[in-house]
């Protein structure tokens, strides 16, 4: 039996039907593209966070050690304007109540700390006479600034205040800072003004003073009675009271000491 060979009909490849791509083959490609997109977004976000972290560390370097740093807390405080009826007791005319309020701000300024904490201070300090185990004296600067401000307040009323009061004792020091008809010794006032200026510049409060329209004045008026983010002063007062060293000792007595700084 003979078989006849019949050649197949030529077909143009372009006429061949193309099978549709299966949808399950597209899923890995879509997943890959989505993964690349997520990775790019993650890299950008992490680089952004790294930039801001590095920038913030430049703005706020590691703070110097203070034994009171562990009690720091922050709160929002609305300031008084000091005008009209918005006068807290500290802004009122001198009286026994006003003077006591001011003195109470820095009543426990003279503090003592143990040797372990004294070793961590950025500056060496002096031991307290007679304490065993040995303790060391210091004062938080905020109380020194308040003392200075109180002395400037007293200098505004030279007829009432006859002498400067020590920050560390209730005894007036007539022999050291004599009062005059023009106020308290100007050398001390210069010291206080210099100290306050440096402290204000150091803290550099960036809370915002604003201007608001006043119908009464028919003008835009400055408003300093705005809110601030403040350290809780009462916490520092409590710390100083817990570490109070009493009246300052006789500073003319030399005390040998081998305190080494950390």
Protein backbone atom coordinates (compact mmCIF):
# COMPACT_ATOMS: atom_id res chain seq x y z
CA UNK A 1 0.00 0.00 0.00
CA UNK A 2 1.41 3.27 -1.01
CA UNK A 3 1.08 6.41 1.03
CA UNK A 4 1.05 9.63 -0.82
CA UNK A 5 3.08 12.41 0.74
CA UNK A 6 1.18 15.61 0.92
CA UNK A 7 3.23 18.60 2.05
CA UNK A 8 1.72 20.73 4.75
CA UNK A 9 0.43 24.08 3.75
CA UNK A 10 2.85 26.90 4.54
CA UNK A 11 1.62 29.26 7.26
CA UNK A 12 2.93 32.69 8.06
CA UNK A 13 4.12 32.86 11.62
CA UNK A 14 2.27 36.09 12.03
CA UNK A 15 -0.98 34.27 11.53
CA UNK A 16 -0.31 31.86 14.36
CA UNK A 17 -2.61 32.49 17.33
CA UNK A 18 -0.90 33.78 20.50
CA UNK A 19 -2.13 32.14 23.66
CA UNK A 20 -3.17 34.60 26.37
CA UNK A 21 -0.84 35.05 29.34
CA UNK A 22 -2.05 33.33 32.40
CA UNK A 23 -3.00 35.71 35.20
CA UNK A 24 -1.05 33.67 37.72
CA UNK A 25 2.15 34.52 35.82
CA UNK A 26 1.52 38.29 36.29
CA UNK A 27 1.20 38.09 40.07
CA UNK A 28 4.94 37.68 40.79
CA UNK A 29 5.73 40.71 38.61
CA UNK A 30 3.18 42.89 40.36
CA UNK A 31 4.43 41.73 43.73
CA UNK A 32 8.02 42.52 42.75
CA UNK A 33 7.13 46.05 41.62
CA UNK A 34 5.15 46.69 44.82
CA UNK A 35 8.03 45.42 46.94
CA UNK A 36 10.49 47.72 45.17
CA UNK A 37 8.16 50.69 45.72
CA UNK A 38 7.77 49.92 49.43
CA UNK A 39 11.53 49.52 49.77
CA UNK A 40 12.17 52.90 48.13
CA UNK A 41 9.64 54.61 50.41
CA UNK A 42 11.22 52.94 53.46
CA UNK A 43 14.70 54.09 52.46
CA UNK A 44 13.51 57.67 51.96
CA UNK A 45 11.70 57.73 55.32
CA UNK A 46 14.67 56.26 57.18
CA UNK A 47 17.07 58.74 55.60
CA UNK A 48 14.71 61.56 56.57
CA UNK A 49 14.51 60.33 60.16
CA UNK A 50 18.29 59.95 60.29
CA UNK A 51 18.73 63.52 59.07
CA UNK A 52 16.40 64.95 61.69
CA UNK A 53 18.01 62.84 64.42
CA UNK A 54 21.47 64.09 63.50
CA UNK A 55 20.14 67.64 63.26
CA UNK A 56 18.49 67.42 66.68
CA UNK A 57 21.65 66.12 68.32
CA UNK A 58 23.48 69.19 67.03
CA UNK A 59 20.79 71.48 68.46
CA UNK A 60 20.69 69.72 71.85
CA UNK A 61 24.07 68.32 72.82
CA UNK A 62 24.45 66.18 75.90
CA UNK A 63 23.62 68.30 78.93
CA UNK A 64 26.09 68.81 81.77
CA UNK A 65 25.35 66.74 84.84
CA UNK A 66 23.18 68.18 87.60
CA UNK A 67 22.11 66.19 90.66
CA UNK A 68 18.60 67.62 90.22
CA UNK A 69 18.18 66.47 86.63
CA UNK A 70 16.16 63.39 87.57
CA UNK A 71 13.30 65.47 89.02
CA UNK A 72 12.82 67.62 85.93
CA UNK A 73 9.27 67.72 84.62
CA UNK A 74 7.63 70.07 82.14
CA UNK A 75 4.27 71.79 82.12
CA UNK A 76 2.45 74.54 80.26
CA UNK A 77 2.24 77.85 82.13
CA UNK A 78 0.39 81.02 81.15
CA UNK A 79 2.48 84.05 82.08
CA UNK A 80 1.12 87.14 83.84
CA UNK A 81 1.37 90.45 82.02
CA UNK A 82 2.38 92.46 85.10
CA UNK A 83 -0.02 95.24 84.07
CA UNK A 84 -3.33 96.38 85.50
CA UNK A 85 -4.95 93.81 87.73
CA UNK A 86 -2.84 90.95 86.39
CA UNK A 87 -0.33 91.22 89.24
CA UNK A 88 0.78 88.12 91.14
CA UNK A 89 2.04 88.75 94.65
CA UNK A 90 5.65 89.04 93.44
CA UNK A 91 4.76 92.08 91.33
CA UNK A 92 2.95 93.99 94.07
CA UNK A 93 4.30 96.84 96.19
CA UNK A 94 6.60 95.79 99.06
CA UNK A 95 4.89 94.39 102.14
CA UNK A 96 5.63 91.66 104.64
CA UNK A 97 3.59 89.19 102.57
CA UNK A 98 5.33 90.17 99.32
CA UNK A 99 8.79 90.00 100.91
CA UNK A 100 8.05 86.57 102.38
CA UNK A 101 6.80 85.33 99.01
CA UNK A 102 10.02 86.41 97.33
CA UNK A 103 12.22 84.93 100.07
CA UNK A 104 10.28 81.68 99.80
CA UNK A 105 11.34 81.29 96.18
CA UNK A 106 14.96 80.63 97.14
CA UNK A 107 14.58 79.73 100.83
CA UNK A 108 16.37 76.37 100.49
CA UNK A 109 18.98 77.40 97.91
CA UNK A 110 21.99 76.13 99.87
CA UNK A 111 22.12 72.39 99.15
CA UNK A 112 24.37 69.45 99.91
CA UNK A 113 25.03 66.30 97.94
CA UNK A 114 27.00 63.09 98.60
CA UNK A 115 30.50 62.53 97.30
CA UNK A 116 29.34 60.20 94.53
CA UNK A 117 27.30 63.00 92.98
CA UNK A 118 29.94 65.66 93.63
CA UNK A 119 32.40 63.61 91.57
CA UNK A 120 30.08 63.91 88.55
CA UNK A 121 29.78 67.70 88.63
CA UNK A 122 31.39 69.57 85.72
CA UNK A 123 33.09 71.85 88.28
CA UNK A 124 34.67 70.90 91.59
CA UNK A 125 32.93 72.14 94.74
CA UNK A 126 33.78 72.51 98.44
CA UNK A 127 33.01 70.04 101.25
CA UNK A 128 30.64 70.83 104.09
CA UNK A 129 32.33 71.16 107.46
CA UNK A 130 31.74 68.35 109.95
CA UNK A 131 29.60 66.01 107.83
CA UNK A 132 30.49 62.32 108.02
CA UNK A 133 30.21 60.75 105.53
CA UNK A 134 31.42 63.82 103.68
CA UNK A 135 28.96 65.94 101.71
CA UNK A 136 29.50 68.84 99.34
CA UNK A 137 27.85 72.23 98.90
CA UNK A 138 26.13 73.63 95.86
CA UNK A 139 23.17 75.75 94.79
CA UNK A 140 21.01 75.35 91.71
CA UNK A 141 21.52 78.42 89.55
CA UNK A 142 17.80 79.15 89.31
CA UNK A 143 17.82 80.12 92.99
CA UNK A 144 20.80 82.40 92.51
CA UNK A 145 18.97 84.16 89.68
CA UNK A 146 15.85 84.61 91.81
CA UNK A 147 17.96 85.98 94.65
CA UNK A 148 19.53 88.48 92.25
CA UNK A 149 16.14 89.50 90.92
CA UNK A 150 14.88 90.01 94.47
CA UNK A 151 17.83 92.29 95.24
CA UNK A 152 17.07 94.37 92.14
CA UNK A 153 13.48 94.61 93.39
CA UNK A 154 14.73 95.84 96.75
CA UNK A 155 17.00 98.37 95.05
CA UNK A 156 13.87 99.94 93.55
CA UNK A 157 12.78 100.81 97.11
CA UNK A 158 15.94 102.06 98.89
CA UNK A 159 13.93 103.72 101.64
CA UNK A 160 12.46 100.42 102.77
CA UNK A 161 15.33 97.95 102.49
CA UNK A 162 18.43 98.91 104.47
CA UNK A 163 20.70 96.04 103.47
CA UNK A 164 21.07 93.16 101.12
CA UNK A 165 20.08 89.74 102.39
CA UNK A 166 22.30 86.77 101.80
CA UNK A 167 20.96 84.12 99.50
CA UNK A 168 22.02 81.50 102.04
CA UNK A 169 20.98 83.09 105.32
CA UNK A 170 18.25 85.24 106.82
CA UNK A 171 20.91 87.51 108.37
CA UNK A 172 21.32 90.90 106.69
CA UNK A 173 24.89 91.62 105.64
CA UNK A 174 25.20 95.32 106.46
CA UNK A 175 28.97 95.08 106.56
CA UNK A 176 29.35 93.63 103.07
CA UNK A 177 26.72 95.33 100.91
CA UNK A 178 25.87 98.70 102.46
CA UNK A 179 22.70 100.41 101.29
CA UNK A 180 22.81 103.94 99.94
CA UNK A 181 20.21 106.54 99.09
CA UNK A 182 20.49 105.39 95.46
CA UNK A 183 19.92 101.74 96.25
CA UNK A 184 22.13 98.77 96.98
CA UNK A 185 25.82 98.75 96.07
CA UNK A 186 26.09 99.07 92.29
CA UNK A 187 28.82 96.42 92.02
CA UNK A 188 26.38 93.83 93.27
CA UNK A 189 23.69 95.13 90.93
CA UNK A 190 26.06 94.83 87.98
CA UNK A 191 26.80 91.25 89.01
CA UNK A 192 23.09 90.47 89.25
CA UNK A 193 22.25 92.08 85.91
CA UNK A 194 25.12 90.25 84.24
CA UNK A 195 24.10 86.93 85.74
CA UNK A 196 20.45 87.37 84.77
CA UNK A 197 21.36 88.42 81.24
CA UNK A 198 23.54 85.36 80.73
CA UNK A 199 20.95 83.04 82.21
CA UNK A 200 18.19 84.42 79.98
CA UNK A 201 20.39 84.12 76.91
CA UNK A 202 21.41 80.60 77.93
CA UNK A 203 17.81 79.41 78.30
CA UNK A 204 16.63 81.38 75.22
CA UNK A 205 12.90 80.87 75.66
CA UNK A 206 11.42 80.57 72.16
CA UNK A 207 7.78 80.89 73.22
CA UNK A 208 6.07 83.45 71.00
CA UNK A 209 4.96 86.95 71.99
CA UNK A 210 1.97 87.94 69.86
CA UNK A 211 -0.01 91.06 68.93
CA UNK A 212 -3.80 91.19 69.16
CA UNK A 213 -6.33 93.85 68.35
CA UNK A 214 -7.66 95.80 71.33
CA UNK A 215 -11.07 97.42 70.91
CA UNK A 216 -10.38 99.51 74.00
CA UNK A 217 -7.09 100.92 72.69
CA UNK A 218 -8.12 100.77 69.04
CA UNK A 219 -4.71 99.37 68.24
CA UNK A 220 -2.89 96.07 68.00
CA UNK A 221 -1.31 95.47 71.42
CA UNK A 222 1.58 93.24 72.41
CA UNK A 223 0.51 90.23 74.49
CA UNK A 224 3.18 88.82 76.77
CA UNK A 225 0.62 86.91 78.87
CA UNK A 226 0.98 83.84 76.68
CA UNK A 227 1.60 80.16 77.37
CA UNK A 228 5.11 78.77 77.77
CA UNK A 229 6.55 75.29 78.14
CA UNK A 230 8.25 75.46 81.54
CA UNK A 231 10.23 73.27 83.85
CA UNK A 232 8.12 72.53 86.91
CA UNK A 233 9.66 74.91 89.44
CA UNK A 234 7.89 73.24 92.36
CA UNK A 235 9.83 70.02 91.67
CA UNK A 236 13.13 71.89 91.96
CA UNK A 237 11.97 73.60 95.15
CA UNK A 238 11.11 70.20 96.61
CA UNK A 239 14.52 68.83 95.59
CA UNK A 240 16.35 71.75 97.22
CA UNK A 241 14.31 71.37 100.40
CA UNK A 242 15.19 67.67 100.57
CA UNK A 243 18.89 68.54 100.14
CA UNK A 244 18.94 71.67 102.31
CA UNK A 245 22.27 72.25 104.06
CA UNK A 246 21.11 74.94 106.51
CA UNK A 247 22.88 78.27 106.95
CA UNK A 248 26.16 78.63 105.12
CA UNK A 249 29.24 77.59 107.09
CA UNK A 250 32.26 79.71 107.91
CA UNK A 251 34.02 79.92 104.55
CA UNK A 252 37.30 81.07 106.09
CA UNK A 253 37.97 77.55 107.38
CA UNK A 254 40.14 75.50 105.03
CA UNK A 255 39.04 71.88 104.60
CA UNK A 256 41.55 69.49 102.96
CA UNK A 257 39.80 67.38 100.38
CA UNK A 258 40.81 64.78 97.80
CA UNK A 259 37.68 64.90 95.66
CA UNK A 260 38.49 63.71 92.16
CA UNK A 261 36.25 64.53 89.25
CA UNK A 262 34.80 61.73 87.16
